[in-house]
Amino acid sequence: MNPTKLRLIMLGLILLLFLLGFAFPNPHPHFWWQKIPVFDIFFGFFGSILIIVLAKWIGHKWLLKDKDYYDHD
């Protein structure tokens, strides 16, 4: 399966879940943010983007060493 077709399938599934979130809202919200339609979708998406960006930043600033770091000649 080529990447373009896979992206279109994933985008279609995200759009379907987004529309289903409006069609079937949470019937018994416990917290105020659960009353906002499709809040969980946005929270999960932007939360995962934030985790990826932070992990890459930490990896570059803290874990990545210079290319001659282990060269003790």
C-alpha atoms as a PDB file:
ATOM      1  CA  MET A   1       0.000   0.000   0.000  1.00  0.00           C
ATOM      2  CA  ASN A   2       1.500   3.335  -0.978  1.00  0.00           C
ATOM      3  CA  PRO A   3       1.835   6.186   1.560  1.00  0.00           C
ATOM      4  CA  THR A   4      -0.619   8.504  -0.209  1.00  0.00           C
ATOM      5  CA  LYS A   5      -3.397   5.915  -0.110  1.00  0.00           C
ATOM      6  CA  LEU A   6      -2.647   5.164   3.549  1.00  0.00           C
ATOM      7  CA  ARG A   7      -2.783   8.885   4.414  1.00  0.00           C
ATOM      8  CA  LEU A   8      -6.138   9.245   2.695  1.00  0.00           C
ATOM      9  CA  ILE A   9      -7.525   6.247   4.583  1.00  0.00           C
ATOM     10  CA  MET A  10      -6.269   7.630   7.916  1.00  0.00           C
ATOM     11  CA  LEU A  11      -7.655  11.098   7.136  1.00  0.00           C
ATOM     12  CA  GLY A  12     -11.008   9.542   6.257  1.00  0.00           C
ATOM     13  CA  LEU A  13     -11.075   7.609   9.537  1.00  0.00           C
ATOM     14  CA  ILE A  14     -10.214  10.743  11.529  1.00  0.00           C
ATOM     15  CA  LEU A  15     -12.968  12.669   9.761  1.00  0.00           C
ATOM     16  CA  LEU A  16     -15.439   9.839  10.417  1.00  0.00           C
ATOM     17  CA  LEU A  17     -14.575   9.782  14.136  1.00  0.00           C
ATOM     18  CA  PHE A  18     -14.854  13.563  14.246  1.00  0.00           C
ATOM     19  CA  LEU A  19     -18.368  13.457  12.765  1.00  0.00           C
ATOM     20  CA  LEU A  20     -19.390  10.567  15.016  1.00  0.00           C
ATOM     21  CA  GLY A  21     -18.279  12.648  18.010  1.00  0.00           C
ATOM     22  CA  PHE A  22     -20.882  15.265  17.072  1.00  0.00           C
ATOM     23  CA  ALA A  23     -23.541  12.670  16.268  1.00  0.00           C
ATOM     24  CA  PHE A  24     -23.094  10.767  19.559  1.00  0.00           C
ATOM     25  CA  PRO A  25     -21.968  13.173  22.303  1.00  0.00           C
ATOM     26  CA  ASN A  26     -21.104  11.955  25.784  1.00  0.00           C
ATOM     27  CA  PRO A  27     -24.503  11.295  27.430  1.00  0.00           C
ATOM     28  CA  HIS A  28     -23.223  11.545  31.029  1.00  0.00           C
ATOM     29  CA  PRO A  29     -20.322  13.983  31.296  1.00  0.00           C
ATOM     30  CA  HIS A  30     -18.575  14.016  34.664  1.00  0.00           C
ATOM     31  CA  PHE A  31     -16.343  17.033  34.026  1.00  0.00           C
ATOM     32  CA  TRP A  32     -16.986  20.338  32.265  1.00  0.00           C
ATOM     33  CA  TRP A  33     -14.610  19.536  29.366  1.00  0.00           C
ATOM     34  CA  GLN A  34     -16.539  16.384  28.547  1.00  0.00           C
ATOM     35  CA  LYS A  35     -19.487  18.596  27.560  1.00  0.00           C
ATOM     36  CA  ILE A  36     -17.450  20.066  24.681  1.00  0.00           C
ATOM     37  CA  PRO A  37     -18.081  18.026  21.511  1.00  0.00           C
ATOM     38  CA  VAL A  38     -15.030  16.105  20.206  1.00  0.00           C
ATOM     39  CA  PHE A  39     -12.775  17.614  22.894  1.00  0.00           C
ATOM     40  CA  ASP A  40     -11.150  14.220  23.457  1.00  0.00           C
ATOM     41  CA  ILE A  41     -10.137  14.001  19.790  1.00  0.00           C
ATOM     42  CA  PHE A  42      -8.415  17.386  19.874  1.00  0.00           C
ATOM     43  CA  PHE A  43      -6.848  16.729  23.256  1.00  0.00           C
ATOM     44  CA  GLY A  44      -5.432  13.401  22.129  1.00  0.00           C
ATOM     45  CA  PHE A  45      -4.165  14.731  18.802  1.00  0.00           C
ATOM     46  CA  PHE A  46      -2.481  17.864  20.124  1.00  0.00           C
ATOM     47  CA  GLY A  47      -1.228  16.024  23.209  1.00  0.00           C
ATOM     48  CA  SER A  48       0.521  13.424  21.060  1.00  0.00           C
ATOM     49  CA  ILE A  49       2.021  16.154  18.841  1.00  0.00           C
ATOM     50  CA  LEU A  50       3.314  17.911  21.967  1.00  0.00           C
ATOM     51  CA  ILE A  51       4.852  14.684  23.305  1.00  0.00           C
ATOM     52  CA  ILE A  52       6.619  14.070  19.981  1.00  0.00           C
ATOM     53  CA  VAL A  53       7.985  17.630  19.793  1.00  0.00           C
ATOM     54  CA  LEU A  54       9.175  17.561  23.407  1.00  0.00           C
ATOM     55  CA  ALA A  55      10.795  14.145  22.986  1.00  0.00           C
ATOM     56  CA  LYS A  56      12.669  15.305  19.890  1.00  0.00           C
ATOM     57  CA  TRP A  57      13.778  18.496  21.651  1.00  0.00           C
ATOM     58  CA  ILE A  58      15.020  16.560  24.700  1.00  0.00           C
ATOM     59  CA  GLY A  59      16.759  14.078  22.424  1.00  0.00           C
ATOM     60  CA  HIS A  60      18.610  16.798  20.559  1.00  0.00           C
ATOM     61  CA  LYS A  61      19.494  18.954  23.563  1.00  0.00           C
ATOM     62  CA  TRP A  62      20.275  16.305  26.153  1.00  0.00           C
ATOM     63  CA  LEU A  63      20.968  12.931  24.550  1.00  0.00           C
ATOM     64  CA  LEU A  64      22.635  13.811  21.260  1.00  0.00           C
ATOM     65  CA  LYS A  65      26.424  13.984  21.494  1.00  0.00           C
ATOM     66  CA  ASP A  66      28.924  15.613  19.163  1.00  0.00           C
ATOM     67  CA  LYS A  67      30.152  13.351  16.395  1.00  0.00           C
ATOM     68  CA  ASP A  68      33.662  13.332  17.914  1.00  0.00           C
ATOM     69  CA  TYR A  69      32.475  12.795  21.508  1.00  0.00           C
ATOM     70  CA  TYR A  70      33.900   9.276  21.755  1.00  0.00           C
ATOM     71  CA  ASP A  71      37.092  10.127  19.858  1.00  0.00           C
ATOM     72  CA  HIS A  72      39.860  10.231  22.496  1.00  0.00           C
ATOM     73  CA  ASP A  73      42.900  10.408  20.259  1.00  0.00           C
END
